[in-house]
Amino acid sequence: MILKINSQEVKAILESIDILLEIKCLIRSIVPGSELNETQMKLFNSSLNSLKSLLEPLFSKFLQTEVIEKIKNEKFTELKKLMEKEGYILISASHSKKILKNLGFNPLKIIVSGGPLIIEDYLKINPNLSKKTLLGIERKTKNLMDKLKKIAREGSNIIFIYMTQNETDQIILEELNEIQKIIGKVISLFEISNWKIFED
């Protein structure tokens, strides 16, 4: 990932260096006692506040990116290790499949539910669904369950990757015991805070 420093950020860095030099001169003037009088304290506090205002946007932009990159790498490594044992990935949204595909995962082993796996839960979300819509959902959930059953019969493992704040993912988690009984297999879980940690 490449991040560019713009002209305002360069200016903020240069101004920060000037302020630090002023603080350095102030500190030198009070050694060895290192005690600040009222005037010096005001100057010191003012300088620190100026530094904070100048550098906080930079910290937010660049240091946060490093943290995200670290989390991304750790989660990716963890997921890769898990997938050495697990056969198929279950996710709730199609855009997540594209992210996993870009990470090198086999798209044929990624199952997208497109919503909850139990039809009754669709009615909990929207009790006003038409009969025609419900019939379509019923066919979709049946096909999905049949696919999961087939995978279970083959002896392949399944891992559900879920996002902590995603409503559909949380519904699937609540359904999990029932789903596992239906397909006859335990589904492993892999929690992420956000799919964006895997995006470039």
N, C-alpha and C. Protein backbone atom coordinates (compact mmCIF):
# COMPACT_ATOMS: atom_id res chain seq x y z
N MET A 1 0.84 -1.20 0.00
CA MET A 1 0.00 0.00 0.00
C MET A 1 0.88 1.25 0.00
N ILE A 2 0.61 2.21 -0.93
CA ILE A 2 1.39 3.44 -1.03
C ILE A 2 0.54 4.61 -0.56
N LEU A 3 1.09 5.40 0.38
CA LEU A 3 0.40 6.58 0.86
C LEU A 3 1.22 7.82 0.52
N LYS A 4 0.56 8.83 0.01
CA LYS A 4 1.25 10.04 -0.40
C LYS A 4 1.08 11.12 0.66
N ILE A 5 2.18 11.83 0.94
CA ILE A 5 2.12 12.97 1.87
C ILE A 5 1.83 14.22 1.04
N ASN A 6 0.73 14.88 1.36
CA ASN A 6 0.38 16.07 0.59
C ASN A 6 1.09 17.31 1.14
N SER A 7 0.93 18.43 0.44
CA SER A 7 1.66 19.67 0.79
C SER A 7 1.29 20.18 2.18
N GLN A 8 0.01 20.05 2.55
CA GLN A 8 -0.40 20.51 3.89
C GLN A 8 0.26 19.67 4.99
N GLU A 9 0.38 18.38 4.73
CA GLU A 9 1.01 17.48 5.71
C GLU A 9 2.50 17.77 5.84
N VAL A 10 3.15 18.08 4.71
CA VAL A 10 4.57 18.46 4.74
C VAL A 10 4.73 19.75 5.56
N LYS A 11 3.85 20.69 5.32
CA LYS A 11 3.89 21.96 6.07
C LYS A 11 3.71 21.72 7.56
N ALA A 12 2.78 20.81 7.92
CA ALA A 12 2.52 20.49 9.33
C ALA A 12 3.76 19.87 9.98
N ILE A 13 4.44 19.00 9.24
CA ILE A 13 5.66 18.36 9.77
C ILE A 13 6.75 19.40 9.99
N LEU A 14 6.95 20.29 9.03
CA LEU A 14 8.00 21.31 9.15
C LEU A 14 7.70 22.27 10.31
N GLU A 15 6.42 22.65 10.46
CA GLU A 15 6.04 23.53 11.57
C GLU A 15 6.24 22.81 12.91
N SER A 16 5.98 21.52 12.93
CA SER A 16 6.17 20.73 14.15
C SER A 16 7.63 20.68 14.55
N ILE A 17 8.51 20.57 13.55
CA ILE A 17 9.95 20.56 13.83
C ILE A 17 10.38 21.89 14.44
N ASP A 18 9.86 22.99 13.91
CA ASP A 18 10.17 24.32 14.45
C ASP A 18 9.71 24.42 15.91
N ILE A 19 8.52 23.92 16.20
CA ILE A 19 7.98 23.96 17.57
C ILE A 19 8.83 23.11 18.50
N LEU A 20 9.26 21.96 18.03
CA LEU A 20 10.11 21.08 18.84
C LEU A 20 11.45 21.74 19.14
N LEU A 21 11.97 22.51 18.18
CA LEU A 21 13.22 23.24 18.42
C LEU A 21 13.02 24.32 19.48
N GLU A 22 11.84 24.96 19.45
CA GLU A 22 11.53 25.96 20.49
C GLU A 22 11.44 25.29 21.86
N ILE A 23 10.80 24.11 21.91
CA ILE A 23 10.71 23.37 23.18
C ILE A 23 12.10 22.95 23.65
N LYS A 24 12.95 22.56 22.71
CA LYS A 24 14.33 22.16 23.05
C LYS A 24 15.08 23.33 23.70
N CYS A 25 14.92 24.52 23.11
CA CYS A 25 15.58 25.72 23.68
C CYS A 25 15.03 26.02 25.07
N LEU A 26 13.71 25.85 25.23
CA LEU A 26 13.09 26.09 26.54
C LEU A 26 13.63 25.12 27.58
N ILE A 27 13.72 23.85 27.24
CA ILE A 27 14.22 22.83 28.17
C ILE A 27 15.67 23.12 28.55
N ARG A 28 16.46 23.51 27.55
CA ARG A 28 17.87 23.82 27.82
C ARG A 28 18.02 24.99 28.78
N SER A 29 17.06 25.92 28.72
CA SER A 29 17.15 27.11 29.56
C SER A 29 16.82 26.83 31.03
N ILE A 30 16.19 25.68 31.31
CA ILE A 30 15.78 25.41 32.69
C ILE A 30 16.56 24.26 33.34
N VAL A 31 17.49 23.63 32.58
CA VAL A 31 18.30 22.57 33.20
C VAL A 31 19.35 23.21 34.10
N PRO A 32 19.81 22.56 35.17
CA PRO A 32 19.49 21.18 35.53
C PRO A 32 18.21 21.03 36.38
N GLY A 33 17.65 22.14 36.84
CA GLY A 33 16.50 22.03 37.74
C GLY A 33 15.24 21.54 37.06
N SER A 34 15.10 21.87 35.79
CA SER A 34 13.94 21.47 35.00
C SER A 34 12.61 21.92 35.61
N GLU A 35 12.61 23.13 36.19
CA GLU A 35 11.37 23.68 36.75
C GLU A 35 10.91 24.84 35.89
N LEU A 36 9.62 24.84 35.59
CA LEU A 36 9.04 25.86 34.73
C LEU A 36 8.31 26.90 35.57
N ASN A 37 8.57 28.20 35.28
CA ASN A 37 7.78 29.23 35.94
C ASN A 37 6.46 29.38 35.18
N GLU A 38 5.61 30.28 35.64
CA GLU A 38 4.28 30.41 35.06
C GLU A 38 4.32 30.76 33.57
N THR A 39 5.19 31.68 33.19
CA THR A 39 5.31 32.09 31.78
C THR A 39 5.82 30.93 30.93
N GLN A 40 6.84 30.25 31.44
CA GLN A 40 7.41 29.12 30.71
C GLN A 40 6.39 27.98 30.56
N MET A 41 5.61 27.76 31.61
CA MET A 41 4.59 26.71 31.58
C MET A 41 3.54 27.00 30.51
N LYS A 42 3.12 28.27 30.41
CA LYS A 42 2.14 28.66 29.39
C LYS A 42 2.71 28.42 27.99
N LEU A 43 3.99 28.78 27.81
CA LEU A 43 4.65 28.59 26.52
C LEU A 43 4.76 27.09 26.18
N PHE A 44 5.12 26.31 27.21
CA PHE A 44 5.27 24.86 27.04
C PHE A 44 3.93 24.21 26.65
N ASN A 45 2.88 24.56 27.38
CA ASN A 45 1.54 24.02 27.09
C ASN A 45 1.04 24.43 25.71
N SER A 46 1.29 25.69 25.36
CA SER A 46 0.88 26.20 24.06
C SER A 46 1.59 25.44 22.93
N SER A 47 2.88 25.18 23.14
CA SER A 47 3.66 24.45 22.14
C SER A 47 3.16 23.02 21.97
N LEU A 48 2.85 22.37 23.09
CA LEU A 48 2.34 21.00 23.04
C LEU A 48 0.99 20.93 22.33
N ASN A 49 0.12 21.90 22.64
CA ASN A 49 -1.19 21.93 21.99
C ASN A 49 -1.06 22.16 20.48
N SER A 50 -0.11 23.01 20.11
CA SER A 50 0.13 23.25 18.68
C SER A 50 0.63 21.98 18.00
N LEU A 51 1.53 21.27 18.67
CA LEU A 51 2.03 20.00 18.14
C LEU A 51 0.90 18.99 17.96
N LYS A 52 0.04 18.94 18.96
CA LYS A 52 -1.09 18.01 18.91
C LYS A 52 -1.99 18.30 17.71
N SER A 53 -2.30 19.58 17.52
CA SER A 53 -3.17 19.98 16.40
C SER A 53 -2.54 19.66 15.05
N LEU A 54 -1.22 19.85 14.97
CA LEU A 54 -0.53 19.63 13.70
C LEU A 54 -0.34 18.15 13.39
N LEU A 55 -0.06 17.35 14.42
CA LEU A 55 0.34 15.96 14.19
C LEU A 55 -0.78 14.93 14.30
N GLU A 56 -1.86 15.27 15.02
CA GLU A 56 -2.95 14.29 15.18
C GLU A 56 -3.52 13.79 13.85
N PRO A 57 -3.76 14.71 12.88
CA PRO A 57 -4.25 14.21 11.59
C PRO A 57 -3.28 13.24 10.91
N LEU A 58 -1.97 13.50 11.10
CA LEU A 58 -0.95 12.63 10.52
C LEU A 58 -0.94 11.28 11.21
N PHE A 59 -1.04 11.29 12.55
CA PHE A 59 -1.08 10.04 13.31
C PHE A 59 -2.29 9.21 12.88
N SER A 60 -3.43 9.91 12.74
CA SER A 60 -4.67 9.22 12.39
C SER A 60 -4.55 8.56 11.01
N LYS A 61 -3.93 9.28 10.08
CA LYS A 61 -3.83 8.78 8.70
C LYS A 61 -2.79 7.67 8.57
N PHE A 62 -1.58 7.91 9.10
CA PHE A 62 -0.47 6.99 8.82
C PHE A 62 -0.33 5.87 9.84
N LEU A 63 -0.46 6.20 11.12
CA LEU A 63 -0.30 5.16 12.12
C LEU A 63 -1.47 4.20 12.12
N GLN A 64 -2.69 4.71 11.89
CA GLN A 64 -3.87 3.85 11.83
C GLN A 64 -3.74 2.87 10.67
N THR A 65 -3.16 3.35 9.58
CA THR A 65 -2.97 2.48 8.42
C THR A 65 -2.03 1.33 8.77
N GLU A 66 -0.97 1.63 9.54
CA GLU A 66 -0.04 0.58 9.96
C GLU A 66 -0.75 -0.46 10.82
N VAL A 67 -1.62 0.03 11.71
CA VAL A 67 -2.37 -0.88 12.58
C VAL A 67 -3.29 -1.77 11.74
N ILE A 68 -3.99 -1.15 10.77
CA ILE A 68 -4.89 -1.90 9.90
C ILE A 68 -4.11 -2.94 9.10
N GLU A 69 -2.93 -2.54 8.60
CA GLU A 69 -2.12 -3.48 7.83
C GLU A 69 -1.68 -4.66 8.71
N LYS A 70 -1.33 -4.36 9.97
CA LYS A 70 -0.91 -5.42 10.89
C LYS A 70 -2.07 -6.38 11.16
N ILE A 71 -3.25 -5.81 11.43
CA ILE A 71 -4.44 -6.64 11.68
C ILE A 71 -4.76 -7.47 10.44
N LYS A 72 -4.69 -6.82 9.26
CA LYS A 72 -4.97 -7.52 8.01
C LYS A 72 -4.04 -8.72 7.84
N ASN A 73 -2.73 -8.49 8.04
CA ASN A 73 -1.75 -9.57 7.85
C ASN A 73 -1.96 -10.69 8.86
N GLU A 74 -2.24 -10.32 10.11
CA GLU A 74 -2.46 -11.33 11.15
C GLU A 74 -3.72 -12.15 10.85
N LYS A 75 -4.81 -11.46 10.48
CA LYS A 75 -6.06 -12.15 10.18
C LYS A 75 -5.92 -13.03 8.94
N PHE A 76 -5.21 -12.51 7.94
CA PHE A 76 -5.02 -13.27 6.71
C PHE A 76 -4.23 -14.55 6.99
N THR A 77 -3.16 -14.43 7.78
CA THR A 77 -2.35 -15.60 8.14
C THR A 77 -3.18 -16.60 8.93
N GLU A 78 -3.97 -16.08 9.87
CA GLU A 78 -4.84 -16.93 10.70
C GLU A 78 -5.86 -17.67 9.83
N LEU A 79 -6.44 -16.94 8.87
CA LEU A 79 -7.44 -17.53 7.98
C LEU A 79 -6.81 -18.57 7.07
N LYS A 80 -5.63 -18.29 6.55
CA LYS A 80 -4.93 -19.23 5.68
C LYS A 80 -4.63 -20.53 6.41
N LYS A 81 -4.16 -20.40 7.65
CA LYS A 81 -3.85 -21.60 8.45
C LYS A 81 -5.11 -22.42 8.68
N LEU A 82 -6.20 -21.72 8.98
CA LEU A 82 -7.46 -22.40 9.24
C LEU A 82 -7.96 -23.11 7.99
N MET A 83 -7.78 -22.46 6.84
CA MET A 83 -8.27 -23.04 5.59
C MET A 83 -7.46 -24.25 5.14
N GLU A 84 -6.27 -24.44 5.72
CA GLU A 84 -5.51 -25.66 5.42
C GLU A 84 -6.26 -26.88 5.94
N LYS A 85 -7.07 -26.65 6.98
CA LYS A 85 -7.86 -27.73 7.57
C LYS A 85 -9.31 -27.70 7.10
N GLU A 86 -9.82 -26.49 6.90
CA GLU A 86 -11.23 -26.34 6.53
C GLU A 86 -11.39 -26.39 5.02
N GLY A 87 -12.49 -26.98 4.55
CA GLY A 87 -12.69 -27.14 3.11
C GLY A 87 -13.41 -26.00 2.43
N TYR A 88 -14.52 -25.54 3.03
CA TYR A 88 -15.37 -24.53 2.39
C TYR A 88 -15.59 -23.33 3.31
N ILE A 89 -15.76 -22.16 2.66
CA ILE A 89 -16.05 -20.93 3.39
C ILE A 89 -17.51 -20.55 3.16
N LEU A 90 -18.21 -20.25 4.24
CA LEU A 90 -19.58 -19.76 4.16
C LEU A 90 -19.59 -18.28 4.54
N ILE A 91 -20.16 -17.45 3.68
CA ILE A 91 -20.28 -16.01 3.94
C ILE A 91 -21.70 -15.57 3.58
N SER A 92 -22.08 -14.39 4.07
CA SER A 92 -23.47 -13.94 3.85
C SER A 92 -23.63 -13.01 2.66
N ALA A 93 -22.53 -12.38 2.20
CA ALA A 93 -22.67 -11.37 1.13
C ALA A 93 -21.73 -11.65 -0.04
N SER A 94 -22.21 -11.38 -1.24
CA SER A 94 -21.44 -11.69 -2.46
C SER A 94 -20.19 -10.83 -2.60
N HIS A 95 -20.23 -9.58 -2.10
CA HIS A 95 -19.04 -8.73 -2.25
C HIS A 95 -17.86 -9.28 -1.45
N SER A 96 -18.15 -10.04 -0.38
CA SER A 96 -17.10 -10.65 0.42
C SER A 96 -16.40 -11.76 -0.37
N LYS A 97 -17.14 -12.40 -1.26
CA LYS A 97 -16.57 -13.47 -2.09
C LYS A 97 -15.47 -12.90 -2.99
N LYS A 98 -15.71 -11.71 -3.53
CA LYS A 98 -14.72 -11.08 -4.40
C LYS A 98 -13.44 -10.78 -3.62
N ILE A 99 -13.60 -10.33 -2.38
CA ILE A 99 -12.43 -10.03 -1.54
C ILE A 99 -11.63 -11.30 -1.29
N LEU A 100 -12.32 -12.39 -0.94
CA LEU A 100 -11.64 -13.66 -0.67
C LEU A 100 -10.98 -14.20 -1.94
N LYS A 101 -11.64 -14.03 -3.08
CA LYS A 101 -11.06 -14.47 -4.35
C LYS A 101 -9.77 -13.70 -4.63
N ASN A 102 -9.78 -12.39 -4.37
CA ASN A 102 -8.59 -11.57 -4.58
C ASN A 102 -7.45 -11.96 -3.64
N LEU A 103 -7.82 -12.55 -2.49
CA LEU A 103 -6.81 -13.01 -1.54
C LEU A 103 -6.24 -14.39 -1.92
N GLY A 104 -6.82 -14.99 -2.94
CA GLY A 104 -6.29 -16.25 -3.42
C GLY A 104 -7.10 -17.48 -3.06
N PHE A 105 -8.27 -17.29 -2.48
CA PHE A 105 -9.11 -18.42 -2.12
C PHE A 105 -9.90 -18.91 -3.34
N ASN A 106 -10.10 -20.21 -3.41
CA ASN A 106 -10.81 -20.83 -4.51
C ASN A 106 -12.28 -20.42 -4.49
N PRO A 107 -12.76 -19.70 -5.52
CA PRO A 107 -14.16 -19.25 -5.52
C PRO A 107 -15.16 -20.40 -5.52
N LEU A 108 -14.73 -21.56 -6.00
CA LEU A 108 -15.63 -22.73 -6.01
C LEU A 108 -15.87 -23.28 -4.61
N LYS A 109 -15.01 -22.85 -3.67
CA LYS A 109 -15.16 -23.32 -2.30
C LYS A 109 -15.69 -22.22 -1.38
N ILE A 110 -16.27 -21.18 -1.99
CA ILE A 110 -16.87 -20.08 -1.23
C ILE A 110 -18.38 -20.11 -1.45
N ILE A 111 -19.14 -20.28 -0.38
CA ILE A 111 -20.60 -20.37 -0.47
C ILE A 111 -21.21 -19.07 0.05
N VAL A 112 -22.00 -18.42 -0.77
CA VAL A 112 -22.65 -17.16 -0.38
C VAL A 112 -24.12 -17.44 -0.06
N SER A 113 -24.53 -17.11 1.15
CA SER A 113 -25.93 -17.37 1.55
C SER A 113 -26.87 -16.29 1.03
N GLY A 114 -26.37 -15.06 0.91
CA GLY A 114 -27.22 -13.95 0.46
C GLY A 114 -28.29 -13.56 1.46
N GLY A 115 -28.16 -14.04 2.69
CA GLY A 115 -29.14 -13.75 3.74
C GLY A 115 -29.14 -14.89 4.75
N PRO A 116 -30.11 -14.92 5.64
CA PRO A 116 -30.21 -16.03 6.60
C PRO A 116 -30.39 -17.37 5.89
N LEU A 117 -30.16 -18.45 6.61
CA LEU A 117 -30.29 -19.78 6.02
C LEU A 117 -31.61 -20.46 6.38
N ILE A 118 -32.32 -19.89 7.33
CA ILE A 118 -33.62 -20.44 7.75
C ILE A 118 -34.71 -19.47 7.28
N ILE A 119 -35.69 -19.99 6.55
CA ILE A 119 -36.69 -19.12 5.90
C ILE A 119 -37.49 -18.30 6.91
N GLU A 120 -37.78 -18.86 8.09
CA GLU A 120 -38.56 -18.13 9.10
C GLU A 120 -37.90 -16.81 9.50
N ASP A 121 -36.57 -16.77 9.41
CA ASP A 121 -35.85 -15.56 9.82
C ASP A 121 -36.05 -14.41 8.84
N TYR A 122 -36.38 -14.73 7.61
CA TYR A 122 -36.70 -13.67 6.64
C TYR A 122 -37.98 -12.95 7.05
N LEU A 123 -38.91 -13.72 7.60
CA LEU A 123 -40.17 -13.12 8.05
C LEU A 123 -39.97 -12.27 9.30
N LYS A 124 -38.98 -12.63 10.10
CA LYS A 124 -38.66 -11.81 11.28
C LYS A 124 -38.12 -10.45 10.83
N ILE A 125 -37.32 -10.48 9.77
CA ILE A 125 -36.74 -9.24 9.25
C ILE A 125 -37.80 -8.41 8.53
N ASN A 126 -38.63 -9.10 7.72
CA ASN A 126 -39.68 -8.41 6.96
C ASN A 126 -40.94 -9.27 6.93
N PRO A 127 -41.87 -9.06 7.87
CA PRO A 127 -43.09 -9.87 7.94
C PRO A 127 -44.05 -9.65 6.77
N ASN A 128 -43.78 -8.64 5.95
CA ASN A 128 -44.69 -8.31 4.84
C ASN A 128 -44.24 -8.88 3.50
N LEU A 129 -43.37 -9.86 3.52
CA LEU A 129 -42.91 -10.46 2.26
C LEU A 129 -44.08 -11.15 1.55
N SER A 130 -44.12 -11.00 0.24
CA SER A 130 -45.20 -11.62 -0.54
C SER A 130 -44.99 -13.13 -0.64
N LYS A 131 -46.05 -13.85 -0.99
CA LYS A 131 -45.96 -15.31 -1.14
C LYS A 131 -44.97 -15.68 -2.24
N LYS A 132 -45.00 -14.90 -3.32
CA LYS A 132 -44.09 -15.16 -4.44
C LYS A 132 -42.63 -15.02 -4.00
N THR A 133 -42.36 -13.95 -3.24
CA THR A 133 -41.00 -13.72 -2.74
C THR A 133 -40.58 -14.84 -1.80
N LEU A 134 -41.50 -15.25 -0.92
CA LEU A 134 -41.22 -16.32 0.03
C LEU A 134 -40.92 -17.65 -0.67
N LEU A 135 -41.62 -17.91 -1.76
CA LEU A 135 -41.38 -19.14 -2.52
C LEU A 135 -39.97 -19.13 -3.11
N GLY A 136 -39.56 -17.96 -3.61
CA GLY A 136 -38.20 -17.82 -4.15
C GLY A 136 -37.15 -18.01 -3.07
N ILE A 137 -37.41 -17.43 -1.89
CA ILE A 137 -36.48 -17.57 -0.76
C ILE A 137 -36.42 -19.01 -0.29
N GLU A 138 -37.59 -19.66 -0.27
CA GLU A 138 -37.65 -21.06 0.16
C GLU A 138 -36.80 -21.95 -0.74
N ARG A 139 -36.91 -21.73 -2.07
CA ARG A 139 -36.10 -22.51 -3.01
C ARG A 139 -34.61 -22.25 -2.79
N LYS A 140 -34.28 -20.98 -2.57
CA LYS A 140 -32.87 -20.60 -2.38
C LYS A 140 -32.29 -21.24 -1.12
N THR A 141 -33.02 -21.15 0.00
CA THR A 141 -32.52 -21.72 1.26
C THR A 141 -32.43 -23.24 1.19
N LYS A 142 -33.39 -23.87 0.48
CA LYS A 142 -33.36 -25.33 0.34
C LYS A 142 -32.13 -25.76 -0.46
N ASN A 143 -31.87 -25.06 -1.58
CA ASN A 143 -30.70 -25.37 -2.39
C ASN A 143 -29.40 -25.20 -1.61
N LEU A 144 -29.39 -24.13 -0.79
CA LEU A 144 -28.21 -23.86 0.02
C LEU A 144 -27.99 -24.95 1.06
N MET A 145 -29.06 -25.35 1.73
CA MET A 145 -28.97 -26.41 2.73
C MET A 145 -28.56 -27.74 2.09
N ASP A 146 -29.11 -28.02 0.91
CA ASP A 146 -28.75 -29.24 0.20
C ASP A 146 -27.25 -29.25 -0.12
N LYS A 147 -26.74 -28.10 -0.50
CA LYS A 147 -25.31 -27.98 -0.82
C LYS A 147 -24.47 -28.22 0.43
N LEU A 148 -24.88 -27.64 1.56
CA LEU A 148 -24.15 -27.82 2.82
C LEU A 148 -24.21 -29.28 3.28
N LYS A 149 -25.36 -29.91 3.09
CA LYS A 149 -25.50 -31.33 3.44
C LYS A 149 -24.55 -32.19 2.61
N LYS A 150 -24.46 -31.89 1.31
CA LYS A 150 -23.58 -32.64 0.41
C LYS A 150 -22.13 -32.50 0.85
N ILE A 151 -21.74 -31.27 1.20
CA ILE A 151 -20.37 -31.02 1.67
C ILE A 151 -20.11 -31.82 2.95
N ALA A 152 -21.09 -31.81 3.84
CA ALA A 152 -20.95 -32.55 5.11
C ALA A 152 -20.81 -34.04 4.86
N ARG A 153 -21.60 -34.58 3.92
CA ARG A 153 -21.53 -36.01 3.60
C ARG A 153 -20.17 -36.39 3.02
N GLU A 154 -19.58 -35.44 2.26
CA GLU A 154 -18.27 -35.71 1.66
C GLU A 154 -17.16 -35.68 2.69
N GLY A 155 -17.47 -35.20 3.88
CA GLY A 155 -16.47 -35.13 4.93
C GLY A 155 -15.66 -33.85 4.94
N SER A 156 -16.01 -32.90 4.05
CA SER A 156 -15.32 -31.61 4.02
C SER A 156 -15.81 -30.72 5.15
N ASN A 157 -14.93 -29.87 5.62
CA ASN A 157 -15.29 -28.96 6.70
C ASN A 157 -15.82 -27.64 6.16
N ILE A 158 -16.53 -26.93 7.01
CA ILE A 158 -17.11 -25.64 6.63
C ILE A 158 -16.75 -24.61 7.70
N ILE A 159 -16.35 -23.43 7.24
CA ILE A 159 -16.06 -22.34 8.17
C ILE A 159 -16.94 -21.14 7.81
N PHE A 160 -17.60 -20.59 8.80
CA PHE A 160 -18.43 -19.40 8.59
C PHE A 160 -17.64 -18.17 9.02
N ILE A 161 -17.35 -17.30 8.05
CA ILE A 161 -16.67 -16.03 8.35
C ILE A 161 -17.74 -14.98 8.57
N TYR A 162 -17.75 -14.40 9.76
CA TYR A 162 -18.80 -13.42 10.08
C TYR A 162 -18.22 -12.12 10.61
N MET A 163 -18.97 -11.06 10.35
CA MET A 163 -18.58 -9.74 10.82
C MET A 163 -19.36 -9.42 12.09
N THR A 164 -18.68 -8.88 13.07
CA THR A 164 -19.28 -8.69 14.39
C THR A 164 -20.50 -7.77 14.38
N GLN A 165 -20.49 -6.74 13.53
CA GLN A 165 -21.58 -5.77 13.54
C GLN A 165 -22.57 -5.96 12.39
N ASN A 166 -22.50 -7.11 11.70
CA ASN A 166 -23.39 -7.34 10.57
C ASN A 166 -24.65 -8.06 11.02
N GLU A 167 -25.81 -7.48 10.70
CA GLU A 167 -27.10 -8.02 11.18
C GLU A 167 -27.35 -9.43 10.65
N THR A 168 -27.13 -9.63 9.34
CA THR A 168 -27.36 -10.94 8.74
C THR A 168 -26.44 -12.00 9.36
N ASP A 169 -25.19 -11.62 9.55
CA ASP A 169 -24.22 -12.55 10.16
C ASP A 169 -24.67 -12.95 11.57
N GLN A 170 -25.19 -11.99 12.29
CA GLN A 170 -25.64 -12.28 13.66
C GLN A 170 -26.85 -13.22 13.65
N ILE A 171 -27.73 -13.04 12.67
CA ILE A 171 -28.89 -13.94 12.55
C ILE A 171 -28.42 -15.36 12.24
N ILE A 172 -27.45 -15.48 11.33
CA ILE A 172 -26.91 -16.81 11.00
C ILE A 172 -26.26 -17.45 12.22
N LEU A 173 -25.59 -16.65 13.02
CA LEU A 173 -24.98 -17.19 14.25
C LEU A 173 -26.06 -17.74 15.18
N GLU A 174 -27.18 -17.01 15.26
CA GLU A 174 -28.30 -17.47 16.10
C GLU A 174 -28.92 -18.75 15.54
N GLU A 175 -28.87 -18.92 14.22
CA GLU A 175 -29.43 -20.10 13.57
C GLU A 175 -28.49 -21.31 13.63
N LEU A 176 -27.25 -21.06 14.01
CA LEU A 176 -26.19 -22.04 13.80
C LEU A 176 -26.49 -23.44 14.35
N ASN A 177 -27.01 -23.51 15.56
CA ASN A 177 -27.32 -24.83 16.13
C ASN A 177 -28.31 -25.60 15.27
N GLU A 178 -29.34 -24.89 14.79
CA GLU A 178 -30.35 -25.53 13.94
C GLU A 178 -29.74 -25.95 12.60
N ILE A 179 -28.91 -25.08 12.03
CA ILE A 179 -28.26 -25.39 10.75
C ILE A 179 -27.38 -26.63 10.88
N GLN A 180 -26.62 -26.69 11.97
CA GLN A 180 -25.72 -27.82 12.19
C GLN A 180 -26.48 -29.13 12.36
N LYS A 181 -27.64 -29.06 13.00
CA LYS A 181 -28.48 -30.27 13.15
C LYS A 181 -29.01 -30.72 11.78
N ILE A 182 -29.41 -29.76 10.95
CA ILE A 182 -29.97 -30.08 9.65
C ILE A 182 -28.94 -30.73 8.73
N ILE A 183 -27.70 -30.15 8.71
CA ILE A 183 -26.68 -30.67 7.79
C ILE A 183 -25.86 -31.80 8.40
N GLY A 184 -25.98 -31.95 9.74
CA GLY A 184 -25.26 -33.04 10.41
C GLY A 184 -23.78 -32.78 10.54
N LYS A 185 -23.39 -31.53 10.70
CA LYS A 185 -21.97 -31.21 10.83
C LYS A 185 -21.78 -29.91 11.59
N VAL A 186 -20.71 -29.85 12.38
CA VAL A 186 -20.36 -28.64 13.11
C VAL A 186 -19.68 -27.67 12.14
N ILE A 187 -20.11 -26.41 12.20
CA ILE A 187 -19.51 -25.36 11.36
C ILE A 187 -18.55 -24.54 12.21
N SER A 188 -17.32 -24.40 11.73
CA SER A 188 -16.33 -23.60 12.44
C SER A 188 -16.62 -22.12 12.25
N LEU A 189 -16.12 -21.30 13.17
CA LEU A 189 -16.38 -19.86 13.11
C LEU A 189 -15.08 -19.07 13.00
N PHE A 190 -15.14 -17.98 12.21
CA PHE A 190 -13.99 -17.09 12.09
C PHE A 190 -14.52 -15.66 12.11
N GLU A 191 -14.19 -14.93 13.15
CA GLU A 191 -14.73 -13.57 13.36
C GLU A 191 -13.79 -12.51 12.81
N ILE A 192 -14.36 -11.53 12.12
CA ILE A 192 -13.59 -10.36 11.68
C ILE A 192 -14.36 -9.11 12.09
N SER A 193 -13.62 -8.01 12.26
CA SER A 193 -14.28 -6.76 12.65
C SER A 193 -14.92 -6.07 11.43
N ASN A 194 -14.25 -6.22 10.27
CA ASN A 194 -14.74 -5.59 9.06
C ASN A 194 -14.05 -6.19 7.85
N TRP A 195 -14.77 -6.37 6.76
CA TRP A 195 -14.17 -6.92 5.55
C TRP A 195 -13.14 -5.99 4.94
N LYS A 196 -13.20 -4.72 5.32
CA LYS A 196 -12.26 -3.73 4.75
C LYS A 196 -10.80 -4.03 5.11
N ILE A 197 -10.60 -4.80 6.19
CA ILE A 197 -9.21 -5.11 6.58
C ILE A 197 -8.53 -6.00 5.55
N PHE A 198 -9.32 -6.64 4.68
CA PHE A 198 -8.75 -7.50 3.65
C PHE A 198 -8.67 -6.82 2.29
N GLU A 199 -9.15 -5.57 2.22
CA GLU A 199 -9.13 -4.85 0.95
C GLU A 199 -7.86 -4.06 0.82
N ASP A 200 -7.38 -3.91 -0.42
CA ASP A 200 -6.18 -3.10 -0.68
C ASP A 200 -6.51 -1.63 -0.66
